[in-house]
Amino acid sequence: MSKKNSNIGGWLCLDKPAGMSSNAAMIKVRRILGARTGYLGTLDPFATGVLPIAVGEARKFIHFLEDSSQKEYEFAVVFGKTTDTLDKDGKIVGESSKIPTSEEIKNILPDFFGWQWQRPPIFSALKVSGRRACDRVRAGENVELAPREIEVFSLSLEATQDNIFRFRVICSKGTYVRGLARDIAEKLGSLAYVDELKRTRSGFFSIKHAIPLEKLSEIEDNTLVRLLIPTESPLDDIPALYLESGLVKMVQHGLRISLENQLLLSYVRIHDSADGSFKGIGSIFDDGLLKAVRMCVY
């Protein structure tokens, strides 16, 4: 699609390749679809896997998915060495003769379950006084990042071959797998870095339905549009409210409408009762008034 297509909207579950930033992958999708795009949840350049791309009107609803979605990763760790970036692309900055056994690793993994504080890697996209931490480090600055609270729901050792240990983790937003590998190694008196990283799930989006970037350009235009996941699908945990078409238009124009016998709701999905189409997200206040928060233009 060479021309801008402002009429399409939805989500594309992309399988990001290694060696490309999330932003670069999003831009490639934008050029292929000919529509404005955004993405949900940054992946490191060396990482692969699920990168949800918001297309057209779906961009308005990224905010509603950012904080609540669990992430699932498969990752491979090399013990006995570490790098400045905590991944295979970095420079080796430390070595250890301690290589833990599978049993030693399994015994300490339950210590990482639940809420905890994690030190983000200094090579990260986190902002420090308006600039990314990784850019400041590369410029020779000393960077310190405050620990952040994360939650690990499950963590398991899946396989071992030579000195490659393969793990699976389900965790909250904001968890750095590179930091997790570092902390596991520290607890075992060793050093480590992440050799492979693949995101297999990001909330609603699963690797089972992800489309490799290289396949997108081979798909015909009409089929591409049909591959898009409806804008409202990932928002299905938000209660739905069906309104007559006239009321929907009033809300779209910024007017508040009165609703009888409606509970106070922070967010509600607004649908047109005539055809069931999704029109946006609103809030119901304690006075019973519905106000638009984010609305589609169609």
Protein backbone atom coordinates (compact mmCIF):
# COMPACT_ATOMS: atom_id res chain seq x y z
CA MET A 1 0.00 0.00 0.00
CA SER A 2 1.94 2.98 -1.19
CA LYS A 3 -0.70 5.60 -0.43
CA LYS A 4 -1.84 6.61 3.02
CA ASN A 5 -4.90 4.64 4.03
CA SER A 6 -6.67 6.50 6.82
CA ASN A 7 -9.70 4.21 6.77
CA ILE A 8 -8.05 1.08 8.14
CA GLY A 9 -7.60 0.47 11.83
CA GLY A 10 -6.81 -2.38 14.19
CA TRP A 11 -3.85 -4.30 15.57
CA LEU A 12 -1.15 -6.27 13.84
CA CYS A 13 0.59 -8.90 15.97
CA LEU A 14 4.12 -8.71 14.57
CA ASP A 15 6.90 -11.27 15.09
CA LYS A 16 9.84 -8.87 15.27
CA PRO A 17 13.13 -10.13 13.84
CA ALA A 18 16.46 -9.85 15.65
CA GLY A 19 18.79 -6.97 14.83
CA MET A 20 16.07 -4.34 14.50
CA SER A 21 14.70 -1.83 16.97
CA SER A 22 10.99 -1.83 17.77
CA ASN A 23 10.66 1.62 16.21
CA ALA A 24 12.34 0.51 12.98
CA ALA A 25 10.02 -2.51 12.78
CA MET A 26 7.00 -0.27 13.31
CA ILE A 27 8.13 2.09 10.54
CA LYS A 28 8.45 -0.82 8.11
CA VAL A 29 4.88 -1.89 8.93
CA ARG A 30 3.74 1.71 8.45
CA ARG A 31 5.23 1.80 4.96
CA ILE A 32 3.71 -1.55 4.01
CA LEU A 33 0.21 -0.68 5.25
CA GLY A 34 0.26 2.97 4.27
CA ALA A 35 -1.31 3.96 7.59
CA ARG A 36 -0.22 5.62 10.80
CA THR A 37 1.15 3.20 13.39
CA GLY A 38 2.30 2.92 16.98
CA TYR A 39 3.52 0.00 19.05
CA LEU A 40 2.97 -1.51 22.47
CA GLY A 41 5.94 -2.56 24.62
CA THR A 42 9.51 -2.03 23.42
CA LEU A 43 11.65 -5.06 22.55
CA ASP A 44 15.46 -4.90 22.64
CA PRO A 45 17.02 -4.91 19.15
CA PHE A 46 18.54 -8.38 19.65
CA ALA A 47 15.19 -9.77 20.85
CA THR A 48 12.50 -11.37 18.71
CA GLY A 49 8.82 -12.13 19.08
CA VAL A 50 5.53 -10.41 19.80
CA LEU A 51 5.41 -6.69 19.06
CA PRO A 52 1.80 -5.42 18.90
CA ILE A 53 1.47 -2.72 16.24
CA ALA A 54 -1.45 -0.30 16.56
CA VAL A 55 -2.73 0.75 13.13
CA GLY A 56 -4.84 3.84 12.46
CA GLU A 57 -7.46 4.51 15.13
CA ALA A 58 -6.07 1.71 17.35
CA ARG A 59 -3.20 4.04 18.26
CA LYS A 60 -5.59 5.96 20.49
CA PHE A 61 -5.99 2.94 22.76
CA ILE A 62 -2.37 1.95 23.41
CA HIS A 63 -2.55 3.68 26.79
CA PHE A 64 -5.32 1.35 27.99
CA LEU A 65 -3.15 -1.72 27.45
CA GLU A 66 0.26 -0.53 28.62
CA ASP A 67 -0.06 -0.99 32.38
CA SER A 68 -2.06 -4.18 32.79
CA SER A 69 -0.73 -6.70 30.28
CA GLN A 70 1.45 -9.60 31.44
CA LYS A 71 4.47 -10.53 29.33
CA GLU A 72 5.82 -13.99 28.60
CA TYR A 73 9.37 -14.62 27.42
CA GLU A 74 11.59 -17.51 26.46
CA PHE A 75 15.25 -16.72 27.00
CA ALA A 76 18.65 -18.40 26.94
CA VAL A 77 21.36 -17.52 29.47
CA VAL A 78 25.11 -18.08 29.35
CA PHE A 79 26.74 -18.31 32.79
CA GLY A 80 30.36 -17.53 33.63
CA LYS A 81 30.59 -14.21 31.74
CA THR A 82 28.74 -10.92 31.63
CA THR A 83 28.64 -7.99 29.25
CA ASP A 84 28.09 -4.27 29.69
CA THR A 85 24.64 -4.59 28.07
CA LEU A 86 23.82 -7.90 29.81
CA ASP A 87 23.18 -9.47 26.39
CA LYS A 88 25.22 -11.12 23.66
CA ASP A 89 25.70 -7.87 21.73
CA GLY A 90 27.66 -6.21 24.51
CA LYS A 91 31.33 -6.15 25.45
CA ILE A 92 32.50 -8.75 27.98
CA VAL A 93 33.25 -6.94 31.24
CA GLY A 94 33.53 -9.81 33.72
CA GLU A 95 34.18 -13.53 34.01
CA SER A 96 33.51 -16.13 36.69
CA SER A 97 34.62 -19.73 37.09
CA LYS A 98 31.32 -20.56 38.78
CA ILE A 99 28.92 -22.33 36.41
CA PRO A 100 25.79 -23.35 38.35
CA THR A 101 24.15 -26.72 37.91
CA SER A 102 20.55 -27.16 36.83
CA GLU A 103 19.61 -28.24 40.34
CA GLU A 104 21.22 -25.16 41.89
CA ILE A 105 19.28 -22.95 39.49
CA LYS A 106 15.96 -24.69 40.10
CA ASN A 107 16.41 -24.40 43.87
CA ILE A 108 16.66 -20.61 43.83
CA LEU A 109 14.08 -19.76 41.16
CA PRO A 110 11.15 -19.62 43.66
CA ASP A 111 13.01 -16.74 45.36
CA PHE A 112 12.18 -14.60 42.33
CA PHE A 113 8.42 -15.17 42.40
CA GLY A 114 6.09 -12.32 43.35
CA TRP A 115 6.67 -8.59 43.86
CA GLN A 116 10.27 -7.40 44.02
CA TRP A 117 12.56 -4.50 43.26
CA GLN A 118 14.72 -4.75 40.15
CA ARG A 119 17.64 -2.60 39.05
CA PRO A 120 17.11 -1.78 35.36
CA PRO A 121 20.12 -2.33 33.11
CA ILE A 122 21.96 0.92 32.44
CA PHE A 123 21.78 0.08 28.73
CA SER A 124 18.04 0.71 28.49
CA ALA A 125 15.62 3.16 26.92
CA LEU A 126 14.63 4.60 30.30
CA LYS A 127 14.90 8.38 30.33
CA VAL A 128 17.34 10.23 32.59
CA SER A 129 16.70 13.99 32.51
CA GLY A 130 15.07 13.66 29.12
CA ARG A 131 17.69 11.42 27.47
CA ARG A 132 17.77 7.64 27.18
CA ALA A 133 20.05 5.99 29.71
CA CYS A 134 21.82 3.95 26.99
CA ASP A 135 22.66 7.14 25.06
CA ARG A 136 24.16 8.73 28.17
CA VAL A 137 26.26 5.61 28.88
CA ARG A 138 27.56 5.54 25.30
CA ALA A 139 28.50 9.22 25.70
CA GLY A 140 30.71 8.26 28.64
CA GLU A 141 28.42 9.44 31.44
CA ASN A 142 27.93 7.58 34.71
CA VAL A 143 24.30 6.52 34.96
CA GLU A 144 22.38 5.25 37.96
CA LEU A 145 18.82 4.03 37.60
CA ALA A 146 16.49 3.69 40.57
CA PRO A 147 15.11 0.18 41.26
CA ARG A 148 11.61 -0.44 39.95
CA GLU A 149 8.92 -2.69 41.38
CA ILE A 150 8.08 -5.66 39.17
CA GLU A 151 6.16 -8.90 39.57
CA VAL A 152 7.21 -12.36 38.43
CA PHE A 153 4.26 -14.76 38.11
CA SER A 154 6.22 -17.82 37.05
CA LEU A 155 9.84 -18.65 36.23
CA SER A 156 11.14 -22.03 35.14
CA LEU A 157 14.26 -23.67 33.73
CA GLU A 158 13.14 -25.44 30.57
CA ALA A 159 16.28 -27.02 29.13
CA THR A 160 20.07 -27.14 29.41
CA GLN A 161 22.67 -27.86 26.77
CA ASP A 162 26.39 -27.29 27.40
CA ASN A 163 26.45 -23.83 29.02
CA ILE A 164 23.15 -22.63 27.52
CA PHE A 165 20.31 -22.56 30.04
CA ARG A 166 16.83 -21.97 28.64
CA PHE A 167 14.16 -20.31 30.78
CA ARG A 168 10.53 -19.25 30.52
CA VAL A 169 9.09 -16.35 32.54
CA ILE A 170 5.71 -14.67 32.90
CA CYS A 171 6.10 -11.20 34.39
CA SER A 172 4.68 -7.73 34.69
CA LYS A 173 5.30 -4.73 32.51
CA GLY A 174 8.65 -3.11 33.22
CA THR A 175 10.52 -6.35 33.92
CA TYR A 176 13.92 -6.55 32.27
CA VAL A 177 14.80 -10.15 31.40
CA ARG A 178 18.45 -9.11 31.15
CA GLY A 179 18.22 -7.85 34.73
CA LEU A 180 16.55 -11.08 35.81
CA ALA A 181 19.40 -13.14 34.34
CA ARG A 182 21.92 -10.91 36.11
CA ASP A 183 20.13 -11.32 39.45
CA ILE A 184 19.83 -15.11 39.11
CA ALA A 185 23.56 -15.32 38.46
CA GLU A 186 24.41 -13.03 41.38
CA LYS A 187 22.36 -15.17 43.76
CA LEU A 188 24.35 -18.21 42.59
CA GLY A 189 27.71 -16.48 42.90
CA SER A 190 28.22 -16.27 39.16
CA LEU A 191 27.89 -13.92 36.21
CA ALA A 192 25.63 -14.20 33.18
CA TYR A 193 24.26 -12.58 30.06
CA VAL A 194 21.22 -13.25 27.86
CA ASP A 195 22.10 -15.00 24.62
CA GLU A 196 18.57 -15.22 23.15
CA LEU A 197 15.32 -13.48 24.02
CA LYS A 198 11.89 -14.09 22.52
CA ARG A 199 8.63 -12.55 23.69
CA THR A 200 5.89 -15.14 23.25
CA ARG A 201 3.01 -13.15 24.72
CA SER A 202 2.13 -9.56 25.48
CA GLY A 203 -1.24 -9.48 27.18
CA PHE A 204 -3.87 -10.31 24.57
CA PHE A 205 -1.27 -10.87 21.82
CA SER A 206 0.34 -14.29 21.33
CA ILE A 207 3.22 -15.58 19.23
CA LYS A 208 0.76 -18.17 17.85
CA HIS A 209 -0.89 -15.42 15.81
CA ALA A 210 2.18 -13.29 15.12
CA ILE A 211 3.21 -12.53 11.53
CA PRO A 212 6.93 -12.38 10.61
CA LEU A 213 7.94 -9.01 9.23
CA GLU A 214 9.43 -10.51 6.07
CA LYS A 215 6.08 -12.13 5.24
CA LEU A 216 4.12 -8.87 5.31
CA SER A 217 5.49 -7.51 2.04
CA GLU A 218 4.54 -10.77 0.30
CA ILE A 219 0.86 -10.54 1.26
CA GLU A 220 -1.65 -8.87 -1.04
CA ASP A 221 -3.15 -5.57 0.11
CA ASN A 222 -6.68 -6.84 0.62
CA THR A 223 -5.44 -9.78 2.69
CA LEU A 224 -3.29 -7.47 4.83
CA VAL A 225 -6.34 -5.50 5.94
CA ARG A 226 -8.15 -8.72 6.84
CA LEU A 227 -5.22 -9.77 9.02
CA LEU A 228 -5.76 -6.83 11.35
CA ILE A 229 -7.21 -7.64 14.78
CA PRO A 230 -10.24 -5.43 15.57
CA THR A 231 -9.36 -2.37 17.61
CA GLU A 232 -11.64 -3.38 20.50
CA SER A 233 -10.51 -7.02 20.81
CA PRO A 234 -7.61 -6.42 23.26
CA LEU A 235 -9.90 -4.17 25.32
CA ASP A 236 -12.37 -6.93 26.18
CA ASP A 237 -11.72 -6.63 29.94
CA ILE A 238 -13.39 -3.18 29.85
CA PRO A 239 -17.20 -3.36 30.32
CA ALA A 240 -19.22 -2.71 27.16
CA LEU A 241 -22.02 -0.14 26.86
CA TYR A 242 -24.36 -0.15 23.85
CA LEU A 243 -25.97 3.16 22.92
CA GLU A 244 -28.33 4.36 20.22
CA SER A 245 -26.59 5.96 17.24
CA GLY A 246 -27.79 9.44 18.17
CA LEU A 247 -26.32 9.18 21.66
CA VAL A 248 -23.05 7.86 20.27
CA LYS A 249 -22.73 10.90 18.04
CA MET A 250 -23.37 13.21 20.99
CA VAL A 251 -20.57 11.58 22.95
CA GLN A 252 -18.27 11.72 19.92
CA HIS A 253 -18.88 15.48 19.76
CA GLY A 254 -17.78 15.92 23.36
CA LEU A 255 -21.19 16.10 25.02
CA ARG A 256 -21.94 14.34 28.29
CA ILE A 257 -25.08 12.28 28.37
CA SER A 258 -27.08 11.18 31.38
CA LEU A 259 -27.48 7.44 32.00
CA GLU A 260 -29.98 6.00 34.43
CA ASN A 261 -29.15 3.07 36.71
CA GLN A 262 -25.51 2.89 35.58
CA LEU A 263 -22.68 2.11 37.97
CA LEU A 264 -19.68 4.40 38.36
CA LEU A 265 -17.07 3.06 35.93
CA SER A 266 -13.58 4.39 35.27
CA TYR A 267 -13.74 3.10 31.71
CA VAL A 268 -16.45 1.67 29.49
CA ARG A 269 -16.33 0.51 25.88
CA ILE A 270 -18.91 2.40 23.81
CA HIS A 271 -20.65 0.51 21.00
CA ASP A 272 -23.35 1.57 18.57
CA SER A 273 -26.35 -0.66 19.31
CA ALA A 274 -27.46 -0.48 15.66
CA ASP A 275 -24.60 -2.60 14.34
CA GLY A 276 -22.50 -3.36 17.45
CA SER A 277 -19.55 -1.38 16.11
CA PHE A 278 -16.93 -0.12 18.58
CA LYS A 279 -16.84 3.67 18.86
CA GLY A 280 -14.44 4.39 21.71
CA ILE A 281 -13.93 4.51 25.45
CA GLY A 282 -15.72 6.71 27.97
CA SER A 283 -16.09 7.13 31.72
CA ILE A 284 -19.25 7.14 33.83
CA PHE A 285 -19.06 9.59 36.72
CA ASP A 286 -20.86 9.38 40.07
CA ASP A 287 -23.48 11.82 38.78
CA GLY A 288 -24.46 9.27 36.12
CA LEU A 289 -22.96 11.25 33.25
CA LEU A 290 -21.04 9.51 30.47
CA LYS A 291 -18.05 11.40 29.07
CA ALA A 292 -15.80 10.48 26.14
CA VAL A 293 -12.21 9.59 26.93
CA ARG A 294 -10.97 8.34 23.57
CA MET A 295 -13.28 8.10 20.56
CA CYS A 296 -12.88 6.79 17.04
CA VAL A 297 -13.51 9.28 14.23
CA TYR A 298 -15.50 6.81 12.10
